[in-house]
Amino acid sequence: MDPVSVASAVQMLGAAQNQQIGVAIARQQLAADKAVAGLVAEGAQSAAPPAPPGQGLSVDLRV
């Protein structure tokens, strides 16, 4: 095998490995985003209790 062929093969293997690493990173980022979205949704469902009756119904316009 000539040196040009070996260099080309090594370059192709390196590019394939870089692509695999990129895909793994993208999958990890998507999983992390889903986890954060789930935590936010849980937090929104268990938010503060509703305001007592009558609260927020009148507006004080005096300065």
Protein backbone atom coordinates (compact mmCIF):
# COMPACT_ATOMS: atom_id res chain seq x y z
CA MET A 1 0.00 0.00 0.00
CA ASP A 2 1.42 3.38 -0.91
CA PRO A 3 1.71 6.16 1.69
CA VAL A 4 -1.03 8.24 0.00
CA SER A 5 -3.53 5.37 0.32
CA VAL A 6 -2.64 4.82 3.97
CA ALA A 7 -2.98 8.51 4.74
CA SER A 8 -6.31 8.62 2.95
CA ALA A 9 -7.58 5.59 4.86
CA VAL A 10 -6.47 7.05 8.18
CA GLN A 11 -8.18 10.33 7.33
CA MET A 12 -11.42 8.53 6.44
CA LEU A 13 -11.32 6.54 9.69
CA GLY A 14 -10.73 9.72 11.65
CA ALA A 15 -13.67 11.43 9.96
CA ALA A 16 -15.93 8.46 10.69
CA GLN A 17 -14.89 8.48 14.34
CA ASN A 18 -15.50 12.23 14.59
CA GLN A 19 -18.96 11.73 13.11
CA GLN A 20 -19.76 8.99 15.63
CA ILE A 21 -18.61 11.21 18.47
CA GLY A 22 -20.76 14.06 17.15
CA VAL A 23 -23.83 11.81 16.98
CA ALA A 24 -23.21 10.58 20.53
CA ILE A 25 -22.91 14.14 21.79
CA ALA A 26 -26.11 15.17 20.01
CA ARG A 27 -27.99 12.22 21.53
CA GLN A 28 -26.67 13.06 24.97
CA GLN A 29 -27.74 16.69 24.57
CA LEU A 30 -31.24 15.64 23.47
CA ALA A 31 -31.56 13.34 26.48
CA ALA A 32 -30.45 16.15 28.79
CA ASP A 33 -32.93 18.57 27.19
CA LYS A 34 -35.75 16.04 27.65
CA ALA A 35 -34.81 15.57 31.29
CA VAL A 36 -34.81 19.31 31.94
CA ALA A 37 -38.16 19.69 30.17
CA GLY A 38 -39.58 16.94 32.36
CA LEU A 39 -38.35 18.65 35.51
CA VAL A 40 -39.82 21.97 34.39
CA ALA A 41 -43.17 20.30 33.64
CA GLU A 42 -43.21 18.65 37.06
CA GLY A 43 -42.41 21.97 38.70
CA ALA A 44 -45.20 23.71 36.83
CA GLN A 45 -47.72 21.09 37.95
CA SER A 46 -46.72 21.38 41.58
CA ALA A 47 -46.60 25.17 41.60
CA ALA A 48 -47.80 27.36 44.44
CA PRO A 49 -51.38 26.86 45.60
CA PRO A 50 -54.04 29.05 44.02
CA ALA A 51 -54.74 32.48 45.48
CA PRO A 52 -57.44 32.75 48.14
CA PRO A 53 -60.95 33.68 46.92
CA GLY A 54 -61.32 37.37 46.11
CA GLN A 55 -57.60 38.08 45.91
CA GLY A 56 -56.61 40.04 42.83
CA LEU A 57 -60.13 41.04 41.88
CA SER A 58 -59.84 44.76 42.71
CA VAL A 59 -57.27 47.23 41.48
CA ASP A 60 -56.12 50.20 43.58
CA LEU A 61 -55.63 53.14 41.22
CA ARG A 62 -54.54 55.66 43.91
CA VAL A 63 -51.00 56.93 43.71
